[in-house]
């Protein structure tokens, strides 16, 4: 009787300790969520760059291979900024200088339109637009305070990016040795299977990035062609912007379409804007429901429905970062589940081979 009571007491104490430790771990993870997110992002970057680094490592030392890949990675935003920033600055200056003229043209269009004249008489829309346009230079001048706070946020973001890149660099240098050491600490019967999961997960991340880059390049090229046909200005920088924003699954093409639509307002309103909106909506549906799921299914190896659900869940939980990482995480989880299932339920052919060897 006393023995059973002691066992029950030990069980209760063990459960209480497990609950307390689990709660402590959750609280600690919440408090350290930002640095943990940086470590996770660094691991993702390292896994993404491991493919080109391993390829270059065949011809040079690993340190030089990593440095070359990181140099290319850092030159990409510089090249993009060189393409986008000059026309954007020129366009912003031109917009400020000609804002009253654009407002006058819009006011004339609204006045001459029989459909919009009633709204104009009721709400005086064009007068308000003209008033805002006249105040635009003052608003630009008063934006210095907002830019200063944006500058401090930008500095902190750059510091976070530098920290993530440094951790990714170290992971590329020694990460394979760390992973190999951790695998060797596991039972020998499980080492091959764990190594297979790690290899397949790294390959899935690389394939995901390649597929996502292909989709974004296709979106940028098609947007550039349509913008040239519609004679929308700044077609090249806008196409680069479309490609960059299209890296964000599900909603990236929509954001890019709205940005280009705003520029089209100054070309031939409303004809060009309507044509662009129709094309962008059609392309977004085509990409979200056909192009992206099919390419990611082939490159990452997961079901098209899982791709869409993973992106929706990731974006809802963690925003843009969650949307970007949802698909490779879903692929990694699928690989782990498949290997676990094969371990628990080995195929009959494997069982026959094991019995034959025995």
Protein backbone atom coordinates (compact mmCIF):
# COMPACT_ATOMS: atom_id res chain seq x y z
CA UNK A 1 0.00 0.00 0.00
CA UNK A 2 2.77 2.39 0.98
CA UNK A 3 4.68 1.48 -2.21
CA UNK A 4 1.72 2.35 -4.46
CA UNK A 5 1.24 5.66 -2.63
CA UNK A 6 4.92 6.47 -3.11
CA UNK A 7 4.60 5.70 -6.83
CA UNK A 8 1.55 7.95 -7.11
CA UNK A 9 3.37 10.74 -5.27
CA UNK A 10 6.41 10.41 -7.56
CA UNK A 11 4.17 10.47 -10.62
CA UNK A 12 2.39 13.61 -9.45
CA UNK A 13 5.69 15.31 -8.58
CA UNK A 14 7.11 14.33 -11.99
CA UNK A 15 4.06 15.76 -13.79
CA UNK A 16 4.21 18.99 -11.79
CA UNK A 17 7.93 19.39 -12.52
CA UNK A 18 7.36 18.76 -16.25
CA UNK A 19 4.56 21.35 -16.35
CA UNK A 20 6.68 23.94 -14.51
CA UNK A 21 9.69 23.35 -16.74
CA UNK A 22 7.53 23.50 -19.88
CA UNK A 23 5.95 26.78 -18.75
CA UNK A 24 9.39 28.18 -17.94
CA UNK A 25 10.68 27.13 -21.38
CA UNK A 26 7.71 28.80 -23.12
CA UNK A 27 8.18 32.02 -21.15
CA UNK A 28 11.92 32.00 -21.88
CA UNK A 29 11.28 31.40 -25.57
CA UNK A 30 8.82 34.31 -25.63
CA UNK A 31 11.30 36.64 -23.92
CA UNK A 32 14.06 35.58 -26.32
CA UNK A 33 11.80 35.50 -29.39
CA UNK A 34 13.76 38.18 -31.26
CA UNK A 35 17.27 36.65 -30.96
CA UNK A 36 15.78 33.19 -31.53
CA UNK A 37 14.17 34.50 -34.72
CA UNK A 38 17.57 35.87 -35.78
CA UNK A 39 19.20 32.48 -35.18
CA UNK A 40 16.45 30.77 -37.16
CA UNK A 41 16.80 33.24 -40.04
CA UNK A 42 20.58 32.80 -39.99
CA UNK A 43 20.13 29.03 -40.24
CA UNK A 44 17.72 29.54 -43.14
CA UNK A 45 20.20 31.81 -44.93
CA UNK A 46 23.04 29.34 -44.33
CA UNK A 47 20.97 26.45 -45.66
CA UNK A 48 19.96 28.54 -48.68
CA UNK A 49 23.57 29.44 -49.54
CA UNK A 50 25.02 26.01 -48.82
CA UNK A 51 24.35 24.85 -52.40
CA UNK A 52 26.48 27.45 -54.23
CA UNK A 53 29.07 27.39 -51.44
CA UNK A 54 29.47 23.61 -51.71
CA UNK A 55 29.74 23.90 -55.51
CA UNK A 56 32.46 26.57 -55.35
CA UNK A 57 34.21 24.62 -52.60
CA UNK A 58 35.17 22.06 -55.26
CA UNK A 59 37.45 24.62 -56.92
CA UNK A 60 38.64 26.73 -53.96
CA UNK A 61 38.92 26.78 -50.19
CA UNK A 62 35.66 26.96 -48.30
CA UNK A 63 36.45 30.35 -46.79
CA UNK A 64 36.98 31.87 -50.25
CA UNK A 65 33.81 30.19 -51.54
CA UNK A 66 31.73 31.62 -48.70
CA UNK A 67 33.28 35.07 -49.15
CA UNK A 68 32.51 35.02 -52.89
CA UNK A 69 28.88 33.98 -52.33
CA UNK A 70 28.40 36.63 -49.63
CA UNK A 71 29.95 39.27 -51.91
CA UNK A 72 27.45 38.37 -54.63
CA UNK A 73 24.64 38.44 -52.06
CA UNK A 74 25.63 41.93 -50.90
CA UNK A 75 26.00 43.26 -54.46
CA UNK A 76 22.44 42.30 -55.39
CA UNK A 77 20.72 45.03 -53.30
CA UNK A 78 23.32 47.55 -54.51
CA UNK A 79 22.51 46.76 -58.14
CA UNK A 80 18.78 46.88 -57.45
CA UNK A 81 19.12 50.26 -55.71
CA UNK A 82 21.13 51.58 -58.68
CA UNK A 83 18.27 50.61 -60.99
CA UNK A 84 15.36 51.78 -58.84
CA UNK A 85 16.48 54.82 -56.86
CA UNK A 86 17.45 57.31 -59.63
CA UNK A 87 14.12 57.16 -61.52
CA UNK A 88 12.19 57.07 -58.24
CA UNK A 89 13.93 60.25 -57.02
CA UNK A 90 13.40 61.95 -60.39
CA UNK A 91 9.75 60.89 -60.39
CA UNK A 92 9.20 62.17 -56.86
CA UNK A 93 10.74 65.55 -57.75
CA UNK A 94 8.65 65.72 -60.91
CA UNK A 95 5.51 64.82 -58.96
CA UNK A 96 6.11 67.59 -56.45
CA UNK A 97 6.79 70.13 -59.20
CA UNK A 98 3.77 69.19 -61.32
CA UNK A 99 1.30 68.24 -58.57
CA UNK A 100 -0.86 71.37 -59.05
CA UNK A 101 -0.95 70.73 -62.80
CA UNK A 102 -2.02 67.11 -62.29
CA UNK A 103 -4.71 68.24 -59.85
CA UNK A 104 -6.01 70.77 -62.39
CA UNK A 105 -6.19 68.08 -65.08
CA UNK A 106 -8.06 65.79 -62.69
CA UNK A 107 -10.45 68.60 -61.76
CA UNK A 108 -11.13 69.27 -65.44
CA UNK A 109 -11.76 65.58 -66.09
CA UNK A 110 -14.17 65.28 -63.17
CA UNK A 111 -16.04 68.40 -64.23
CA UNK A 112 -16.47 67.21 -67.82
CA UNK A 113 -17.51 63.68 -66.85
CA UNK A 114 -21.30 63.31 -66.50
CA UNK A 115 -20.86 60.33 -64.16
CA UNK A 116 -18.52 62.15 -61.75
CA UNK A 117 -19.93 65.67 -61.92
CA UNK A 118 -22.68 64.82 -59.42
CA UNK A 119 -20.15 63.56 -56.91
CA UNK A 120 -18.08 66.66 -57.52
CA UNK A 121 -20.99 68.98 -56.76
CA UNK A 122 -21.82 67.08 -53.60
CA UNK A 123 -18.36 66.50 -52.11
CA UNK A 124 -16.07 69.02 -53.90
CA UNK A 125 -13.49 66.29 -54.45
CA UNK A 126 -11.40 68.12 -57.02
CA UNK A 127 -11.13 71.26 -54.86
CA UNK A 128 -9.82 69.21 -51.97
CA UNK A 129 -7.32 67.47 -54.26
CA UNK A 130 -6.18 70.84 -55.60
CA UNK A 131 -5.74 72.13 -52.07
CA UNK A 132 -3.69 69.09 -51.08
CA UNK A 133 -1.58 69.42 -54.21
CA UNK A 134 -0.77 73.05 -53.43
CA UNK A 135 0.36 71.99 -49.95
CA UNK A 136 2.44 69.06 -51.18
CA UNK A 137 5.82 70.88 -51.14
CA UNK A 138 5.17 71.96 -47.55
CA UNK A 139 4.25 68.40 -46.62
CA UNK A 140 7.47 67.12 -48.17
CA UNK A 141 9.43 69.62 -46.10
CA UNK A 142 7.69 68.68 -42.87
CA UNK A 143 8.43 65.02 -43.45
CA UNK A 144 11.98 65.43 -42.13
CA UNK A 145 10.91 64.48 -38.61
CA UNK A 146 9.28 61.30 -39.83
CA UNK A 147 12.37 60.47 -41.87
CA UNK A 148 14.58 60.80 -38.78
CA UNK A 149 12.56 58.19 -36.90
CA UNK A 150 12.58 56.03 -40.01
CA UNK A 151 16.36 56.42 -40.12
CA UNK A 152 16.76 55.11 -36.57
CA UNK A 153 14.55 52.11 -37.40
CA UNK A 154 16.59 51.53 -40.54
CA UNK A 155 19.84 51.55 -38.54
CA UNK A 156 18.48 48.97 -36.08
CA UNK A 157 17.25 46.82 -38.98
CA UNK A 158 20.66 47.00 -40.65
CA UNK A 159 22.28 45.95 -37.37
CA UNK A 160 19.95 42.95 -37.19
CA UNK A 161 20.74 42.03 -40.81
CA UNK A 162 24.48 42.25 -40.15
CA UNK A 163 24.12 40.03 -37.08
CA UNK A 164 22.11 37.46 -39.06
CA UNK A 165 24.67 37.45 -41.89
CA UNK A 166 27.58 37.01 -39.46
CA UNK A 167 25.82 34.04 -37.83
CA UNK A 168 25.04 32.59 -41.26
CA UNK A 169 28.72 32.98 -42.22
CA UNK A 170 29.81 31.07 -39.11
CA UNK A 171 27.19 28.40 -39.72
CA UNK A 172 28.46 27.91 -43.26
CA UNK A 173 32.02 27.62 -41.95
CA UNK A 174 31.38 25.14 -39.13
CA UNK A 175 27.71 24.22 -39.40
CA UNK A 176 28.35 20.92 -41.19
CA UNK A 177 30.73 19.84 -38.41
CA UNK A 178 28.20 20.82 -35.74
CA UNK A 179 25.42 18.88 -37.44
CA UNK A 180 27.68 15.88 -37.97
CA UNK A 181 28.67 15.93 -34.28
CA UNK A 182 25.01 16.07 -33.19
CA UNK A 183 24.14 13.18 -35.50
CA UNK A 184 27.00 11.08 -34.11
CA UNK A 185 25.55 11.53 -30.62
CA UNK A 186 22.42 9.65 -31.71
CA UNK A 187 22.09 5.85 -31.75
CA UNK A 188 23.86 4.31 -34.75
CA UNK A 189 20.63 2.78 -35.99
CA UNK A 190 19.13 6.28 -36.43
CA UNK A 191 22.15 8.20 -37.75
CA UNK A 192 21.63 7.40 -41.43
CA UNK A 193 17.96 8.35 -41.29
CA UNK A 194 18.66 11.64 -39.48
CA UNK A 195 21.40 12.48 -41.97
CA UNK A 196 18.96 11.82 -44.80
CA UNK A 197 16.38 14.18 -43.23
CA UNK A 198 18.97 16.97 -42.91
CA UNK A 199 20.18 16.52 -46.50
CA UNK A 200 16.67 16.46 -47.95
CA UNK A 201 15.64 19.51 -45.89
CA UNK A 202 18.62 21.53 -47.17
CA UNK A 203 17.81 20.47 -50.72
CA UNK A 204 14.17 21.47 -50.25
CA UNK A 205 15.16 24.95 -49.04
CA UNK A 206 17.47 25.44 -52.03
CA UNK A 207 14.83 24.22 -54.48
CA UNK A 208 12.26 26.51 -52.87
CA UNK A 209 14.47 29.57 -53.30
CA UNK A 210 15.22 28.64 -56.91
CA UNK A 211 11.52 28.15 -57.66
CA UNK A 212 10.53 31.37 -55.90
CA UNK A 213 13.23 33.29 -57.81
CA UNK A 214 11.98 31.85 -61.11
CA UNK A 215 8.41 32.93 -60.31
CA UNK A 216 9.53 36.44 -59.37
CA UNK A 217 11.64 36.85 -62.51
CA UNK A 218 8.70 35.71 -64.64
CA UNK A 219 6.40 38.18 -62.86
CA UNK A 220 8.88 41.03 -63.41
CA UNK A 221 9.34 40.21 -67.10
CA UNK A 222 5.63 39.94 -67.83
CA UNK A 223 4.93 43.16 -65.90
CA UNK A 224 7.67 44.93 -67.89
CA UNK A 225 6.14 43.80 -71.20
CA UNK A 226 2.66 44.96 -70.20
CA UNK A 227 3.95 48.30 -68.90
CA UNK A 228 5.82 48.94 -72.14
CA UNK A 229 2.69 48.11 -74.15
CA UNK A 230 0.67 50.52 -72.00
CA UNK A 231 3.45 53.15 -72.14
CA UNK A 232 3.70 53.36 -68.35
CA UNK A 233 6.81 55.35 -67.33
CA UNK A 234 9.70 53.87 -65.33
CA UNK A 235 8.92 50.40 -66.68
CA UNK A 236 12.35 48.92 -65.81
CA UNK A 237 12.53 50.00 -62.13
CA UNK A 238 8.86 49.18 -61.65
CA UNK A 239 9.44 45.71 -63.13
CA UNK A 240 12.31 45.16 -60.67
CA UNK A 241 10.00 46.30 -57.86
CA UNK A 242 7.34 43.86 -59.04
CA UNK A 243 9.89 41.01 -59.05
CA UNK A 244 11.09 41.87 -55.53
CA UNK A 245 7.62 42.18 -54.06
CA UNK A 246 6.56 38.99 -55.82
CA UNK A 247 8.99 37.10 -53.58
CA UNK A 248 6.31 37.50 -50.89
CA UNK A 249 3.88 34.61 -51.49
CA UNK A 250 0.18 35.25 -52.12
CA UNK A 251 0.12 39.02 -51.49
CA UNK A 252 3.36 40.22 -53.09
CA UNK A 253 1.95 40.49 -56.59
CA UNK A 254 -1.07 42.40 -55.26
CA UNK A 255 1.11 45.00 -53.52
CA UNK A 256 3.21 45.38 -56.67
CA UNK A 257 0.09 45.74 -58.80
CA UNK A 258 -1.25 48.54 -56.62
CA UNK A 259 2.10 50.38 -56.79
CA UNK A 260 2.18 50.23 -60.59
CA UNK A 261 -1.52 51.14 -60.72
CA UNK A 262 -0.78 54.39 -58.87
CA UNK A 263 1.82 55.29 -61.48
CA UNK A 264 -0.62 54.46 -64.30
CA UNK A 265 -3.00 57.14 -62.98
CA UNK A 266 -0.73 59.76 -64.58
CA UNK A 267 -0.59 58.12 -68.02
CA UNK A 268 -4.09 57.87 -69.51
CA UNK A 269 -6.61 57.77 -66.70
CA UNK A 270 -8.80 55.73 -66.49
CA UNK A 271 -8.14 53.54 -69.56
CA UNK A 272 -4.58 52.45 -68.76
CA UNK A 273 -5.36 52.00 -65.07
CA UNK A 274 -8.36 49.77 -65.83
CA UNK A 275 -6.38 47.64 -68.31
CA UNK A 276 -3.52 47.27 -65.81
CA UNK A 277 -5.89 46.37 -62.96
CA UNK A 278 -7.61 43.69 -65.07
CA UNK A 279 -4.30 42.19 -66.12
CA UNK A 280 -2.84 42.28 -62.61
CA UNK A 281 -5.88 40.64 -61.01
CA UNK A 282 -5.86 37.90 -63.65
CA UNK A 283 -2.12 37.32 -63.23
CA UNK A 284 -2.35 37.24 -59.44
CA UNK A 285 -5.03 34.56 -59.56
CA UNK A 286 -3.00 32.60 -62.12
CA UNK A 287 0.18 32.81 -60.03
CA UNK A 288 -1.41 32.09 -56.64
CA UNK A 289 -3.55 29.17 -57.77
CA UNK A 290 -1.56 27.61 -60.61
CA UNK A 291 2.01 28.82 -61.21
CA UNK A 292 3.26 29.01 -57.63
CA UNK A 293 1.65 25.81 -56.29
CA UNK A 294 2.79 23.81 -59.32
CA UNK A 295 6.38 25.08 -59.30
CA UNK A 296 6.70 24.72 -55.53
CA UNK A 297 5.15 21.27 -55.66
CA UNK A 298 7.75 20.18 -58.19
CA UNK A 299 10.71 21.96 -56.58
CA UNK A 300 9.92 21.33 -52.91
CA UNK A 301 7.85 18.19 -53.33
CA UNK A 302 4.73 19.10 -51.33
CA UNK A 303 1.09 19.15 -52.31
CA UNK A 304 -0.30 22.34 -53.92
CA UNK A 305 -3.01 22.62 -51.25
CA UNK A 306 -0.35 22.35 -48.51
CA UNK A 307 1.58 25.18 -50.19
CA UNK A 308 -1.43 27.52 -50.05
CA UNK A 309 -2.40 26.53 -46.49
CA UNK A 310 1.18 26.88 -45.25
CA UNK A 311 1.50 30.39 -46.71
CA UNK A 312 -1.84 31.44 -45.22
CA UNK A 313 -0.93 30.13 -41.77
CA UNK A 314 2.61 31.52 -41.85
CA UNK A 315 1.52 35.00 -42.94
CA UNK A 316 -1.22 35.07 -40.30
CA UNK A 317 1.15 34.06 -37.49
CA UNK A 318 4.39 35.86 -38.40
CA UNK A 319 3.58 38.30 -41.19
CA UNK A 320 5.84 38.61 -44.23
CA UNK A 321 8.66 36.55 -42.68
CA UNK A 322 6.19 33.77 -41.92
CA UNK A 323 4.89 33.81 -45.49
CA UNK A 324 8.44 33.58 -46.86
CA UNK A 325 9.47 30.69 -44.60
CA UNK A 326 6.18 28.79 -44.56
CA UNK A 327 6.81 26.66 -47.65
CA UNK A 328 10.34 25.39 -46.80
CA UNK A 329 9.20 24.74 -43.22
CA UNK A 330 6.23 22.76 -44.52
CA UNK A 331 8.60 20.80 -46.75
CA UNK A 332 10.94 20.07 -43.83
CA UNK A 333 8.03 18.96 -41.63
CA UNK A 334 6.78 16.71 -44.42
CA UNK A 335 10.23 15.13 -44.76
CA UNK A 336 10.45 14.48 -41.02
CA UNK A 337 6.93 13.00 -40.89
CA UNK A 338 7.64 10.75 -43.89
CA UNK A 339 10.87 9.43 -42.39
CA UNK A 340 9.18 8.88 -39.02
CA UNK A 341 6.31 7.01 -40.71
CA UNK A 342 8.72 4.84 -42.71
CA UNK A 343 10.58 4.08 -39.48
CA UNK A 344 7.40 3.10 -37.62
CA UNK A 345 5.82 1.34 -40.63
CA UNK A 346 8.64 -0.05 -42.79
CA UNK A 347 7.58 -1.26 -46.26
CA UNK A 348 7.04 -4.99 -46.71
CA UNK A 349 9.94 -5.17 -49.16
CA UNK A 350 12.32 -3.80 -46.51
CA UNK A 351 10.99 -6.28 -43.97
CA UNK A 352 11.59 -9.19 -46.38
CA UNK A 353 15.17 -8.01 -47.03
CA UNK A 354 15.82 -7.69 -43.29
CA UNK A 355 14.44 -11.18 -42.67
CA UNK A 356 16.48 -12.61 -45.57
CA UNK A 357 19.67 -11.09 -44.13
CA UNK A 358 18.79 -12.48 -40.71
